[in-house]
Protein backbone atom coordinates (compact mmCIF):
# COMPACT_ATOMS: atom_id res chain seq x y z
CA UNK A 1 172.82 132.04 14.45
CA UNK A 2 170.43 128.80 14.01
CA UNK A 3 167.39 129.98 15.71
CA UNK A 4 164.83 127.15 18.00
CA UNK A 5 161.33 128.46 17.84
CA UNK A 6 158.80 127.27 20.49
CA UNK A 7 156.62 125.00 18.16
CA UNK A 8 159.30 122.90 17.16
CA UNK A 9 160.47 122.24 21.02
CA UNK A 10 156.44 121.31 21.93
CA UNK A 11 156.84 119.44 18.13
CA UNK A 12 159.48 117.70 19.55
CA UNK A 13 157.97 116.25 22.86
CA UNK A 14 154.99 115.48 21.25
CA UNK A 15 156.29 113.55 19.03
CA UNK A 16 158.78 112.23 21.66
CA UNK A 17 155.44 111.04 23.19
CA UNK A 18 153.67 109.55 20.74
CA UNK A 19 156.53 107.29 20.80
CA UNK A 20 155.90 106.25 23.91
CA UNK A 21 157.96 108.36 26.50
CA UNK A 22 157.06 110.23 29.74
CA UNK A 23 158.59 113.44 29.51
CA UNK A 24 159.95 116.46 31.65
CA UNK A 25 160.77 119.92 29.57
CA UNK A 26 162.88 122.50 30.71
CA UNK A 27 163.07 125.10 27.81
CA UNK A 28 165.75 122.44 25.53
CA UNK A 29 166.04 120.44 27.95
CA UNK A 30 163.91 117.04 28.28
CA UNK A 31 164.16 114.29 30.87
CA UNK A 32 163.22 111.49 29.24
CA UNK A 33 161.11 108.02 30.49
CA UNK A 34 160.08 104.92 29.07
CA UNK A 35 158.22 102.27 30.90
CA UNK A 36 158.50 103.51 34.35
CA UNK A 37 162.44 103.56 33.58
CA UNK A 38 164.91 106.50 33.14
CA UNK A 39 166.13 106.62 29.95
CA UNK A 40 168.28 109.74 29.65
CA UNK A 41 168.46 113.85 28.89
CA UNK A 42 168.41 115.16 25.86
CA UNK A 43 169.18 119.10 25.39
CA UNK A 44 169.76 121.28 22.36
CA UNK A 45 171.90 123.76 22.18
CA UNK A 46 170.42 126.20 19.24
CA UNK A 47 173.17 128.72 19.30
CA UNK A 48 175.90 126.02 18.17
CA UNK A 49 174.09 123.91 16.06
CA UNK A 50 174.26 121.03 18.10
CA UNK A 51 171.75 118.37 20.46
CA UNK A 52 173.14 116.22 23.37
CA UNK A 53 171.32 112.89 24.49
CA UNK A 54 172.66 111.31 27.39
CA UNK A 55 171.66 108.09 27.67
CA UNK A 56 172.00 105.18 30.73
CA UNK A 57 173.50 101.95 30.61
CA UNK A 58 170.21 100.10 30.85
CA UNK A 59 168.52 98.28 28.16
CA UNK A 60 165.28 99.90 27.65
CA UNK A 61 167.78 103.15 26.97
CA UNK A 62 169.99 101.40 25.13
CA UNK A 63 166.57 100.50 22.83
CA UNK A 64 165.45 104.04 22.90
CA UNK A 65 168.48 105.86 21.73
CA UNK A 66 168.07 105.31 17.60
CA UNK A 67 163.65 105.92 18.36
CA UNK A 68 165.03 109.69 19.87
CA UNK A 69 167.82 110.09 17.25
CA UNK A 70 165.81 109.73 14.59
CA UNK A 71 163.34 111.84 15.98
CA UNK A 72 165.56 115.27 16.29
CA UNK A 73 167.08 114.44 12.89
CA UNK A 74 163.30 114.99 11.74
CA UNK A 75 162.69 117.73 13.47
CA UNK A 76 165.57 119.55 13.65
CA UNK A 77 167.41 118.31 10.60
CA UNK A 78 170.53 121.33 11.09
CA UNK A 79 171.87 120.00 14.34
CA UNK A 80 174.64 117.87 14.69
CA UNK A 81 173.90 115.13 17.56
CA UNK A 82 176.16 114.13 19.97
CA UNK A 83 175.09 110.63 21.65
CA UNK A 84 176.90 110.04 25.13
CA UNK A 85 176.23 106.40 27.13
C-alpha cells in the first residue's frame, strides 16, 4: 500500500502557494484559487495511487492546470493523475 506523509502533503501545499495559489486544504483535498477565481479541486487517493484534478472552465483555470499537474508530479511521481475539466 502506498502511503503519503503529512510532511509531503504540507510540501504540496507550500509549492502551490509559491506558484501563486490560495489553498484551502483538508487532509488530501485541496481547493485552489488564483487571482480571486476558483480554479478547481485536487484530491489525492493514496490507497489507489491516484490523484484527481477537477478544474473549472474559466481561462485562469485552464492556464493553471499545467502548473498544478507539474507540482503533483514533482512531489508524488508515483501517483497517476487524472485531469477533468
